[in-house]
Amino acid sequence: MVESIKLQLFDYNPLMPQLDFRCGNSKFSDNVWDFNGFINVEHLSGKRLMIDFEFVVDKPKMLEVIKWFMHHELTTGKFSTAKRNLDGVVRFSKFIKLNFRSLNSVGKP
């Protein structure tokens, strides 16, 4: 599998952390990040080059932490690895919703 980044995935500026920065074709505040045209993977296109956070929109604090986690994964590793790690986060989120319904955050209190 050949995986290459064609364009910079994010335009995050740590000096201005309050700004809603670009994540591929989307913004950080969007619940679906689209990386079509930014990442070239032989067998991936369309929906497979998107990261969907809809599974956790009912828990905004958790959503923010998961988005920052995905930002970290995408800036330090491969897209395919980040997507696999997101699958684990989705399973963890389902576990939380099933067993700890009142838990609303996994990061900052």
PDB file of N, CA and C in Angstrom:
ATOM      1  N   MET A   1       0.850  -1.176   0.000  1.00  0.00           N
ATOM      2  CA  MET A   1       0.000   0.000   0.000  1.00  0.00           C
ATOM      3  C   MET A   1       0.892   1.235   0.000  1.00  0.00           C
ATOM      4  N   VAL A   2       0.633   2.114  -0.918  1.00  0.00           N
ATOM      5  CA  VAL A   2       1.361   3.369  -0.994  1.00  0.00           C
ATOM      6  C   VAL A   2       0.477   4.456  -0.405  1.00  0.00           C
ATOM      7  N   GLU A   3       1.017   5.154   0.569  1.00  0.00           N
ATOM      8  CA  GLU A   3       0.261   6.222   1.219  1.00  0.00           C
ATOM      9  C   GLU A   3       1.136   7.458   1.243  1.00  0.00           C
ATOM     10  N   SER A   4       0.661   8.525   0.664  1.00  0.00           N
ATOM     11  CA  SER A   4       1.427   9.765   0.700  1.00  0.00           C
ATOM     12  C   SER A   4       0.492  10.941   0.949  1.00  0.00           C
ATOM     13  N   ILE A   5       1.048  11.965   1.539  1.00  0.00           N
ATOM     14  CA  ILE A   5       0.285  13.178   1.816  1.00  0.00           C
ATOM     15  C   ILE A   5       0.599  14.177   0.717  1.00  0.00           C
ATOM     16  N   LYS A   6      -0.429  14.624   0.001  1.00  0.00           N
ATOM     17  CA  LYS A   6      -0.237  15.555  -1.101  1.00  0.00           C
ATOM     18  C   LYS A   6      -0.155  16.996  -0.600  1.00  0.00           C
ATOM     19  N   LEU A   7      -0.946  17.323   0.402  1.00  0.00           N
ATOM     20  CA  LEU A   7      -1.004  18.675   0.937  1.00  0.00           C
ATOM     21  C   LEU A   7      -0.955  18.607   2.456  1.00  0.00           C
ATOM     22  N   GLN A   8      -0.633  19.720   3.084  1.00  0.00           N
ATOM     23  CA  GLN A   8      -0.636  19.772   4.544  1.00  0.00           C
ATOM     24  C   GLN A   8      -2.063  19.544   5.041  1.00  0.00           C
ATOM     25  N   LEU A   9      -2.231  18.591   5.973  1.00  0.00           N
ATOM     26  CA  LEU A   9      -3.567  18.207   6.430  1.00  0.00           C
ATOM     27  C   LEU A   9      -4.249  19.281   7.269  1.00  0.00           C
ATOM     28  N   PHE A  10      -3.477  20.010   8.077  1.00  0.00           N
ATOM     29  CA  PHE A  10      -4.037  20.984   9.020  1.00  0.00           C
ATOM     30  C   PHE A  10      -3.319  22.318   8.867  1.00  0.00           C
ATOM     31  N   ASP A  11      -4.020  23.394   9.200  1.00  0.00           N
ATOM     32  CA  ASP A  11      -3.346  24.697   9.262  1.00  0.00           C
ATOM     33  C   ASP A  11      -3.425  25.253  10.685  1.00  0.00           C
ATOM     34  N   TYR A  12      -3.287  24.362  11.652  1.00  0.00           N
ATOM     35  CA  TYR A  12      -3.343  24.730  13.063  1.00  0.00           C
ATOM     36  C   TYR A  12      -2.160  25.611  13.432  1.00  0.00           C
ATOM     37  N   ASN A  13      -2.443  26.696  14.154  1.00  0.00           N
ATOM     38  CA  ASN A  13      -1.409  27.592  14.647  1.00  0.00           C
ATOM     39  C   ASN A  13      -1.504  27.616  16.171  1.00  0.00           C
ATOM     40  N   PRO A  14      -0.528  27.029  16.876  1.00  0.00           N
ATOM     41  CA  PRO A  14      -0.605  26.988  18.343  1.00  0.00           C
ATOM     42  C   PRO A  14      -0.580  28.375  18.986  1.00  0.00           C
ATOM     43  N   LEU A  15      -0.172  29.388  18.244  1.00  0.00           N
ATOM     44  CA  LEU A  15      -0.173  30.748  18.780  1.00  0.00           C
ATOM     45  C   LEU A  15      -1.576  31.346  18.793  1.00  0.00           C
ATOM     46  N   MET A  16      -2.492  30.750  18.023  1.00  0.00           N
ATOM     47  CA  MET A  16      -3.886  31.194  17.985  1.00  0.00           C
ATOM     48  C   MET A  16      -4.814  29.992  18.173  1.00  0.00           C
ATOM     49  N   PRO A  17      -4.782  29.369  19.356  1.00  0.00           N
ATOM     50  CA  PRO A  17      -5.515  28.112  19.557  1.00  0.00           C
ATOM     51  C   PRO A  17      -7.034  28.249  19.533  1.00  0.00           C
ATOM     52  N   GLN A  18      -7.583  29.432  19.652  1.00  0.00           N
ATOM     53  CA  GLN A  18      -9.032  29.584  19.658  1.00  0.00           C
ATOM     54  C   GLN A  18      -9.640  29.546  18.251  1.00  0.00           C
ATOM     55  N   LEU A  19      -8.831  29.696  17.228  1.00  0.00           N
ATOM     56  CA  LEU A  19      -9.358  29.724  15.870  1.00  0.00           C
ATOM     57  C   LEU A  19      -9.816  28.343  15.421  1.00  0.00           C
ATOM     58  N   ASP A  20     -10.832  28.321  14.600  1.00  0.00           N
ATOM     59  CA  ASP A  20     -11.360  27.084  14.030  1.00  0.00           C
ATOM     60  C   ASP A  20     -10.533  26.771  12.784  1.00  0.00           C
ATOM     61  N   PHE A  21      -9.515  25.939  12.926  1.00  0.00           N
ATOM     62  CA  PHE A  21      -8.562  25.720  11.845  1.00  0.00           C
ATOM     63  C   PHE A  21      -9.034  24.649  10.868  1.00  0.00           C
ATOM     64  N   ARG A  22      -8.373  24.625   9.702  1.00  0.00           N
ATOM     65  CA  ARG A  22      -8.716  23.700   8.629  1.00  0.00           C
ATOM     66  C   ARG A  22      -8.182  22.302   8.937  1.00  0.00           C
ATOM     67  N   CYS A  23      -9.020  21.293   8.680  1.00  0.00           N
ATOM     68  CA  CYS A  23      -8.659  19.885   8.790  1.00  0.00           C
ATOM     69  C   CYS A  23      -9.004  19.246   7.452  1.00  0.00           C
ATOM     70  N   GLY A  24      -8.049  19.178   6.552  1.00  0.00           N
ATOM     71  CA  GLY A  24      -8.332  18.716   5.191  1.00  0.00           C
ATOM     72  C   GLY A  24      -9.257  19.702   4.504  1.00  0.00           C
ATOM     73  N   ASN A  25     -10.387  19.211   3.997  1.00  0.00           N
ATOM     74  CA  ASN A  25     -11.388  20.072   3.359  1.00  0.00           C
ATOM     75  C   ASN A  25     -12.409  20.606   4.356  1.00  0.00           C
ATOM     76  N   SER A  26     -12.213  20.343   5.632  1.00  0.00           N
ATOM     77  CA  SER A  26     -13.186  20.670   6.664  1.00  0.00           C
ATOM     78  C   SER A  26     -12.561  21.612   7.688  1.00  0.00           C
ATOM     79  N   LYS A  27     -13.323  21.907   8.731  1.00  0.00           N
ATOM     80  CA  LYS A  27     -12.844  22.691   9.864  1.00  0.00           C
ATOM     81  C   LYS A  27     -12.869  21.811  11.105  1.00  0.00           C
ATOM     82  N   PHE A  28     -12.078  22.183  12.116  1.00  0.00           N
ATOM     83  CA  PHE A  28     -12.013  21.412  13.358  1.00  0.00           C
ATOM     84  C   PHE A  28     -13.405  21.248  13.972  1.00  0.00           C
ATOM     85  N   SER A  29     -14.236  22.273  13.873  1.00  0.00           N
ATOM     86  CA  SER A  29     -15.572  22.228  14.471  1.00  0.00           C
ATOM     87  C   SER A  29     -16.538  21.293  13.737  1.00  0.00           C
ATOM     88  N   ASP A  30     -16.220  20.906  12.510  1.00  0.00           N
ATOM     89  CA  ASP A  30     -17.091  20.006  11.753  1.00  0.00           C
ATOM     90  C   ASP A  30     -17.070  18.607  12.360  1.00  0.00           C
ATOM     91  N   ASN A  31     -18.171  17.897  12.245  1.00  0.00           N
ATOM     92  CA  ASN A  31     -18.248  16.546  12.788  1.00  0.00           C
ATOM     93  C   ASN A  31     -17.822  15.473  11.793  1.00  0.00           C
ATOM     94  N   VAL A  32     -17.500  15.891  10.577  1.00  0.00           N
ATOM     95  CA  VAL A  32     -16.917  14.993   9.585  1.00  0.00           C
ATOM     96  C   VAL A  32     -15.751  15.745   8.946  1.00  0.00           C
ATOM     97  N   TRP A  33     -14.559  15.130   9.009  1.00  0.00           N
ATOM     98  CA  TRP A  33     -13.388  15.716   8.370  1.00  0.00           C
ATOM     99  C   TRP A  33     -13.147  14.977   7.061  1.00  0.00           C
ATOM    100  N   ASP A  34     -13.026  15.730   5.977  1.00  0.00           N
ATOM    101  CA  ASP A  34     -12.847  15.177   4.642  1.00  0.00           C
ATOM    102  C   ASP A  34     -11.405  15.416   4.188  1.00  0.00           C
ATOM    103  N   PHE A  35     -10.677  14.335   3.915  1.00  0.00           N
ATOM    104  CA  PHE A  35      -9.284  14.442   3.475  1.00  0.00           C
ATOM    105  C   PHE A  35      -9.107  14.037   2.013  1.00  0.00           C
ATOM    106  N   ASN A  36     -10.199  13.987   1.238  1.00  0.00           N
ATOM    107  CA  ASN A  36     -10.097  13.704  -0.188  1.00  0.00           C
ATOM    108  C   ASN A  36      -9.287  14.813  -0.851  1.00  0.00           C
ATOM    109  N   GLY A  37      -8.309  14.421  -1.642  1.00  0.00           N
ATOM    110  CA  GLY A  37      -7.425  15.375  -2.302  1.00  0.00           C
ATOM    111  C   GLY A  37      -6.205  15.730  -1.470  1.00  0.00           C
ATOM    112  N   PHE A  38      -6.209  15.365  -0.202  1.00  0.00           N
ATOM    113  CA  PHE A  38      -5.078  15.654   0.672  1.00  0.00           C
ATOM    114  C   PHE A  38      -4.189  14.429   0.887  1.00  0.00           C
ATOM    115  N   ILE A  39      -4.778  13.260   0.809  1.00  0.00           N
ATOM    116  CA  ILE A  39      -4.049  12.017   1.051  1.00  0.00           C
ATOM    117  C   ILE A  39      -4.229  11.118  -0.164  1.00  0.00           C
ATOM    118  N   ASN A  40      -3.127  10.544  -0.609  1.00  0.00           N
ATOM    119  CA  ASN A  40      -3.168   9.654  -1.751  1.00  0.00           C
ATOM    120  C   ASN A  40      -2.893   8.225  -1.271  1.00  0.00           C
ATOM    121  N   VAL A  41      -3.949   7.434  -1.176  1.00  0.00           N
ATOM    122  CA  VAL A  41      -3.838   6.025  -0.811  1.00  0.00           C
ATOM    123  C   VAL A  41      -4.467   5.250  -1.960  1.00  0.00           C
ATOM    124  N   GLU A  42      -3.727   4.264  -2.469  1.00  0.00           N
ATOM    125  CA  GLU A  42      -4.151   3.534  -3.666  1.00  0.00           C
ATOM    126  C   GLU A  42      -5.607   3.092  -3.650  1.00  0.00           C
ATOM    127  N   HIS A  43      -6.038   2.479  -2.571  1.00  0.00           N
ATOM    128  CA  HIS A  43      -7.355   1.844  -2.539  1.00  0.00           C
ATOM    129  C   HIS A  43      -8.410   2.636  -1.769  1.00  0.00           C
ATOM    130  N   LEU A  44      -8.110   3.864  -1.379  1.00  0.00           N
ATOM    131  CA  LEU A  44      -9.073   4.655  -0.611  1.00  0.00           C
ATOM    132  C   LEU A  44      -9.497   5.902  -1.368  1.00  0.00           C
ATOM    133  N   SER A  45     -10.785   6.174  -1.304  1.00  0.00           N
ATOM    134  CA  SER A  45     -11.321   7.415  -1.857  1.00  0.00           C
ATOM    135  C   SER A  45     -12.706   7.635  -1.258  1.00  0.00           C
ATOM    136  N   GLY A  46     -13.255   8.801  -1.506  1.00  0.00           N
ATOM    137  CA  GLY A  46     -14.605   9.110  -1.036  1.00  0.00           C
ATOM    138  C   GLY A  46     -14.741   9.033   0.470  1.00  0.00           C
ATOM    139  N   LYS A  47     -15.748   8.313   0.933  1.00  0.00           N
ATOM    140  CA  LYS A  47     -16.054   8.209   2.360  1.00  0.00           C
ATOM    141  C   LYS A  47     -14.905   7.598   3.156  1.00  0.00           C
ATOM    142  N   ARG A  48     -14.099   6.773   2.529  1.00  0.00           N
ATOM    143  CA  ARG A  48     -12.986   6.126   3.233  1.00  0.00           C
ATOM    144  C   ARG A  48     -11.877   7.109   3.600  1.00  0.00           C
ATOM    145  N   LEU A  49     -11.890   8.281   2.988  1.00  0.00           N
ATOM    146  CA  LEU A  49     -10.912   9.314   3.340  1.00  0.00           C
ATOM    147  C   LEU A  49     -11.547  10.395   4.211  1.00  0.00           C
ATOM    148  N   MET A  50     -12.607  10.026   4.910  1.00  0.00           N
ATOM    149  CA  MET A  50     -13.267  10.935   5.830  1.00  0.00           C
ATOM    150  C   MET A  50     -13.208  10.359   7.238  1.00  0.00           C
ATOM    151  N   ILE A  51     -13.168  11.246   8.205  1.00  0.00           N
ATOM    152  CA  ILE A  51     -13.225  10.840   9.603  1.00  0.00           C
ATOM    153  C   ILE A  51     -14.518  11.395  10.166  1.00  0.00           C
ATOM    154  N   ASP A  52     -15.374  10.497  10.619  1.00  0.00           N
ATOM    155  CA  ASP A  52     -16.718  10.847  11.076  1.00  0.00           C
ATOM    156  C   ASP A  52     -16.788  10.760  12.604  1.00  0.00           C
ATOM    157  N   PHE A  53     -17.121  11.888  13.221  1.00  0.00           N
ATOM    158  CA  PHE A  53     -17.210  11.958  14.679  1.00  0.00           C
ATOM    159  C   PHE A  53     -18.653  11.918  15.178  1.00  0.00           C
ATOM    160  N   GLU A  54     -19.590  11.588  14.319  1.00  0.00           N
ATOM    161  CA  GLU A  54     -21.008  11.584  14.687  1.00  0.00           C
ATOM    162  C   GLU A  54     -21.319  10.624  15.833  1.00  0.00           C
ATOM    163  N   PHE A  55     -20.495   9.612  16.036  1.00  0.00           N
ATOM    164  CA  PHE A  55     -20.742   8.619  17.077  1.00  0.00           C
ATOM    165  C   PHE A  55     -20.667   9.203  18.484  1.00  0.00           C
ATOM    166  N   VAL A  56     -20.125  10.410  18.630  1.00  0.00           N
ATOM    167  CA  VAL A  56     -19.944  10.969  19.965  1.00  0.00           C
ATOM    168  C   VAL A  56     -20.444  12.420  20.068  1.00  0.00           C
ATOM    169  N   VAL A  57     -21.296  12.846  19.157  1.00  0.00           N
ATOM    170  CA  VAL A  57     -21.778  14.238  19.188  1.00  0.00           C
ATOM    171  C   VAL A  57     -22.640  14.530  20.409  1.00  0.00           C
ATOM    172  N   ASP A  58     -23.172  13.501  21.035  1.00  0.00           N
ATOM    173  CA  ASP A  58     -24.011  13.706  22.215  1.00  0.00           C
ATOM    174  C   ASP A  58     -23.181  13.981  23.473  1.00  0.00           C
ATOM    175  N   LYS A  59     -21.862  13.892  23.374  1.00  0.00           N
ATOM    176  CA  LYS A  59     -20.955  14.168  24.498  1.00  0.00           C
ATOM    177  C   LYS A  59     -19.885  15.158  24.023  1.00  0.00           C
ATOM    178  N   PRO A  60     -20.204  16.458  24.023  1.00  0.00           N
ATOM    179  CA  PRO A  60     -19.312  17.476  23.441  1.00  0.00           C
ATOM    180  C   PRO A  60     -17.898  17.513  24.026  1.00  0.00           C
ATOM    181  N   LYS A  61     -17.746  17.304  25.319  1.00  0.00           N
ATOM    182  CA  LYS A  61     -16.406  17.322  25.907  1.00  0.00           C
ATOM    183  C   LYS A  61     -15.574  16.142  25.403  1.00  0.00           C
ATOM    184  N   MET A  62     -16.211  14.986  25.303  1.00  0.00           N
ATOM    185  CA  MET A  62     -15.532  13.808  24.792  1.00  0.00           C
ATOM    186  C   MET A  62     -15.201  13.995  23.310  1.00  0.00           C
ATOM    187  N   LEU A  63     -16.106  14.609  22.585  1.00  0.00           N
ATOM    188  CA  LEU A  63     -15.904  14.883  21.168  1.00  0.00           C
ATOM    189  C   LEU A  63     -14.647  15.713  20.953  1.00  0.00           C
ATOM    190  N   GLU A  64     -14.467  16.753  21.736  1.00  0.00           N
ATOM    191  CA  GLU A  64     -13.294  17.613  21.582  1.00  0.00           C
ATOM    192  C   GLU A  64     -11.996  16.841  21.842  1.00  0.00           C
ATOM    193  N   VAL A  65     -11.979  16.032  22.892  1.00  0.00           N
ATOM    194  CA  VAL A  65     -10.782  15.246  23.215  1.00  0.00           C
ATOM    195  C   VAL A  65     -10.478  14.257  22.086  1.00  0.00           C
ATOM    196  N   ILE A  66     -11.492  13.614  21.551  1.00  0.00           N
ATOM    197  CA  ILE A  66     -11.298  12.641  20.475  1.00  0.00           C
ATOM    198  C   ILE A  66     -10.800  13.340  19.217  1.00  0.00           C
ATOM    199  N   LYS A  67     -11.303  14.532  18.929  1.00  0.00           N
ATOM    200  CA  LYS A  67     -10.818  15.284  17.768  1.00  0.00           C
ATOM    201  C   LYS A  67      -9.342  15.636  17.931  1.00  0.00           C
ATOM    202  N   TRP A  68      -8.947  16.066  19.126  1.00  0.00           N
ATOM    203  CA  TRP A  68      -7.537  16.385  19.359  1.00  0.00           C
ATOM    204  C   TRP A  68      -6.679  15.127  19.259  1.00  0.00           C
ATOM    205  N   PHE A  69      -7.203  13.998  19.721  1.00  0.00           N
ATOM    206  CA  PHE A  69      -6.488  12.738  19.594  1.00  0.00           C
ATOM    207  C   PHE A  69      -6.276  12.399  18.117  1.00  0.00           C
ATOM    208  N   MET A  70      -7.313  12.556  17.296  1.00  0.00           N
ATOM    209  CA  MET A  70      -7.189  12.265  15.871  1.00  0.00           C
ATOM    210  C   MET A  70      -6.240  13.251  15.197  1.00  0.00           C
ATOM    211  N   HIS A  71      -6.270  14.509  15.603  1.00  0.00           N
ATOM    212  CA  HIS A  71      -5.315  15.494  15.075  1.00  0.00           C
ATOM    213  C   HIS A  71      -3.893  15.005  15.357  1.00  0.00           C
ATOM    214  N   HIS A  72      -3.656  14.559  16.580  1.00  0.00           N
ATOM    215  CA  HIS A  72      -2.334  14.039  16.957  1.00  0.00           C
ATOM    216  C   HIS A  72      -1.961  12.822  16.116  1.00  0.00           C
ATOM    217  N   GLU A  73      -2.867  11.881  15.984  1.00  0.00           N
ATOM    218  CA  GLU A  73      -2.608  10.664  15.220  1.00  0.00           C
ATOM    219  C   GLU A  73      -2.294  10.972  13.760  1.00  0.00           C
ATOM    220  N   LEU A  74      -3.023  11.922  13.192  1.00  0.00           N
ATOM    221  CA  LEU A  74      -2.822  12.255  11.778  1.00  0.00           C
ATOM    222  C   LEU A  74      -1.538  13.048  11.543  1.00  0.00           C
ATOM    223  N   THR A  75      -1.087  13.795  12.529  1.00  0.00           N
ATOM    224  CA  THR A  75       0.143  14.571  12.348  1.00  0.00           C
ATOM    225  C   THR A  75       1.387  13.760  12.703  1.00  0.00           C
ATOM    226  N   THR A  76       1.230  12.664  13.431  1.00  0.00           N
ATOM    227  CA  THR A  76       2.396  11.879  13.832  1.00  0.00           C
ATOM    228  C   THR A  76       2.492  10.520  13.150  1.00  0.00           C
ATOM    229  N   GLY A  77       1.478  10.127  12.400  1.00  0.00           N
ATOM    230  CA  GLY A  77       1.509   8.804  11.776  1.00  0.00           C
ATOM    231  C   GLY A  77       0.767   8.785  10.455  1.00  0.00           C
ATOM    232  N   LYS A  78       0.460   7.589  10.006  1.00  0.00           N
ATOM    233  CA  LYS A  78      -0.236   7.391   8.731  1.00  0.00           C
ATOM    234  C   LYS A  78      -1.739   7.518   8.908  1.00  0.00           C
ATOM    235  N   PHE A  79      -2.410   7.887   7.834  1.00  0.00           N
ATOM    236  CA  PHE A  79      -3.862   8.013   7.841  1.00  0.00           C
ATOM    237  C   PHE A  79      -4.511   6.676   8.179  1.00  0.00           C
ATOM    238  N   SER A  80      -4.013   5.603   7.582  1.00  0.00           N
ATOM    239  CA  SER A  80      -4.613   4.280   7.819  1.00  0.00           C
ATOM    240  C   SER A  80      -4.492   3.871   9.293  1.00  0.00           C
ATOM    241  N   THR A  81      -3.393   4.213   9.925  1.00  0.00           N
ATOM    242  CA  THR A  81      -3.221   3.906  11.346  1.00  0.00           C
ATOM    243  C   THR A  81      -4.187   4.735  12.182  1.00  0.00           C
ATOM    244  N   ALA A  82      -4.337   6.004  11.837  1.00  0.00           N
ATOM    245  CA  ALA A  82      -5.263   6.876  12.559  1.00  0.00           C
ATOM    246  C   ALA A  82      -6.690   6.342  12.451  1.00  0.00           C
ATOM    247  N   LYS A  83      -7.091   5.883  11.269  1.00  0.00           N
ATOM    248  CA  LYS A  83      -8.441   5.327  11.089  1.00  0.00           C
ATOM    249  C   LYS A  83      -8.633   4.064  11.935  1.00  0.00           C
ATOM    250  N   ARG A  84      -7.613   3.212  12.001  1.00  0.00           N
ATOM    251  CA  ARG A  84      -7.698   2.008  12.841  1.00  0.00           C
ATOM    252  C   ARG A  84      -7.823   2.394  14.307  1.00  0.00           C
ATOM    253  N   ASN A  85      -7.069   3.393  14.728  1.00  0.00           N
ATOM    254  CA  ASN A  85      -7.145   3.842  16.112  1.00  0.00           C
ATOM    255  C   ASN A  85      -8.510   4.451  16.412  1.00  0.00           C
ATOM    256  N   LEU A  86      -9.101   5.128  15.433  1.00  0.00           N
ATOM    257  CA  LEU A  86     -10.452   5.671  15.617  1.00  0.00           C
ATOM    258  C   LEU A  86     -11.459   4.543  15.814  1.00  0.00           C
ATOM    259  N   ASP A  87     -11.271   3.433  15.134  1.00  0.00           N
ATOM    260  CA  ASP A  87     -12.161   2.280  15.326  1.00  0.00           C
ATOM    261  C   ASP A  87     -12.153   1.842  16.794  1.00  0.00           C
ATOM    262  N   GLY A  88     -10.994   1.855  17.414  1.00  0.00           N
ATOM    263  CA  GLY A  88     -10.900   1.521  18.836  1.00  0.00           C
ATOM    264  C   GLY A  88     -11.608   2.538  19.705  1.00  0.00           C
ATOM    265  N   VAL A  89     -11.507   3.804  19.340  1.00  0.00           N
ATOM    266  CA  VAL A  89     -12.177   4.876  20.085  1.00  0.00           C
ATOM    267  C   VAL A  89     -13.691   4.725  19.967  1.00  0.00           C
ATOM    268  N   VAL A  90     -14.167   4.352  18.791  1.00  0.00           N
ATOM    269  CA  VAL A  90     -15.603   4.133  18.587  1.00  0.00           C
ATOM    270  C   VAL A  90     -16.088   3.005  19.499  1.00  0.00           C
ATOM    271  N   ARG A  91     -15.337   1.937  19.562  1.00  0.00           N
ATOM    272  CA  ARG A  91     -15.710   0.812  20.440  1.00  0.00           C
ATOM    273  C   ARG A  91     -15.700   1.239  21.902  1.00  0.00           C
ATOM    274  N   PHE A  92     -14.696   2.033  22.294  1.00  0.00           N
ATOM    275  CA  PHE A  92     -14.608   2.540  23.664  1.00  0.00           C
ATOM    276  C   PHE A  92     -15.812   3.431  23.972  1.00  0.00           C
ATOM    277  N   SER A  93     -16.182   4.283  23.017  1.00  0.00           N
ATOM    278  CA  SER A  93     -17.330   5.171  23.193  1.00  0.00           C
ATOM    279  C   SER A  93     -18.622   4.367  23.390  1.00  0.00           C
ATOM    280  N   LYS A  94     -18.790   3.309  22.630  1.00  0.00           N
ATOM    281  CA  LYS A  94     -19.968   2.449  22.782  1.00  0.00           C
ATOM    282  C   LYS A  94     -19.993   1.807  24.162  1.00  0.00           C
ATOM    283  N   PHE A  95     -18.821   1.392  24.640  1.00  0.00           N
ATOM    284  CA  PHE A  95     -18.713   0.812  25.974  1.00  0.00           C
ATOM    285  C   PHE A  95     -19.117   1.834  27.035  1.00  0.00           C
ATOM    286  N   ILE A  96     -18.632   3.058  26.903  1.00  0.00           N
ATOM    287  CA  ILE A  96     -18.963   4.138  27.848  1.00  0.00           C
ATOM    288  C   ILE A  96     -20.474   4.387  27.846  1.00  0.00           C
ATOM    289  N   LYS A  97     -21.057   4.499  26.657  1.00  0.00           N
ATOM    290  CA  LYS A  97     -22.494   4.778  26.557  1.00  0.00           C
ATOM    291  C   LYS A  97     -23.335   3.647  27.151  1.00  0.00           C
ATOM    292  N   LEU A  98     -22.861   2.440  27.042  1.00  0.00           N
ATOM    293  CA  LEU A  98     -23.593   1.292  27.557  1.00  0.00           C
ATOM    294  C   LEU A  98     -23.441   1.133  29.070  1.00  0.00           C
ATOM    295  N   ASN A  99     -22.258   1.377  29.588  1.00  0.00           N
ATOM    296  CA  ASN A  99     -21.966   1.080  30.986  1.00  0.00           C
ATOM    297  C   ASN A  99     -21.811   2.287  31.906  1.00  0.00           C
ATOM    298  N   PHE A 100     -21.517   3.439  31.356  1.00  0.00           N
ATOM    299  CA  PHE A 100     -21.286   4.647  32.163  1.00  0.00           C
ATOM    300  C   PHE A 100     -21.987   5.833  31.513  1.00  0.00           C
ATOM    301  N   ARG A 101     -23.284   5.775  31.409  1.00  0.00           N
ATOM    302  CA  ARG A 101     -24.067   6.790  30.690  1.00  0.00           C
ATOM    303  C   ARG A 101     -23.825   8.214  31.155  1.00  0.00           C
ATOM    304  N   SER A 102     -23.513   8.400  32.432  1.00  0.00           N
ATOM    305  CA  SER A 102     -23.341   9.767  32.953  1.00  0.00           C
ATOM    306  C   SER A 102     -21.950  10.335  32.708  1.00  0.00           C
ATOM    307  N   LEU A 103     -21.000   9.511  32.240  1.00  0.00           N
ATOM    308  CA  LEU A 103     -19.651   9.992  31.948  1.00  0.00           C
ATOM    309  C   LEU A 103     -19.683  10.850  30.693  1.00  0.00           C
ATOM    310  N   ASN A 104     -19.221  12.094  30.805  1.00  0.00           N
ATOM    311  CA  ASN A 104     -19.299  13.025  29.680  1.00  0.00           C
ATOM    312  C   ASN A 104     -17.956  13.459  29.143  1.00  0.00           C
ATOM    313  N   SER A 105     -16.862  13.078  29.806  1.00  0.00           N
ATOM    314  CA  SER A 105     -15.556  13.536  29.363  1.00  0.00           C
ATOM    315  C   SER A 105     -14.499  12.488  29.621  1.00  0.00           C
ATOM    316  N   VAL A 106     -13.461  12.465  28.790  1.00  0.00           N
ATOM    317  CA  VAL A 106     -12.323  11.567  28.994  1.00  0.00           C
ATOM    318  C   VAL A 106     -11.028  12.353  29.086  1.00  0.00           C
ATOM    319  N   GLY A 107     -11.130  13.628  29.262  1.00  0.00           N
ATOM    320  CA  GLY A 107      -9.935  14.472  29.331  1.00  0.00           C
ATOM    321  C   GLY A 107     -10.046  15.444  30.468  1.00  0.00           C
ATOM    322  N   LYS A 108     -10.114  16.687  30.083  1.00  0.00           N
ATOM    323  CA  LYS A 108     -10.235  17.767  31.071  1.00  0.00           C
ATOM    324  C   LYS A 108     -11.543  17.616  31.861  1.00  0.00           C
ATOM    325  N   PRO A 109     -11.500  17.827  33.164  1.00  0.00           N
ATOM    326  CA  PRO A 109     -12.730  17.710  33.953  1.00  0.00           C
ATOM    327  C   PRO A 109     -13.721  18.816  33.642  1.00  0.00           C
TER     328      PRO A 109
END
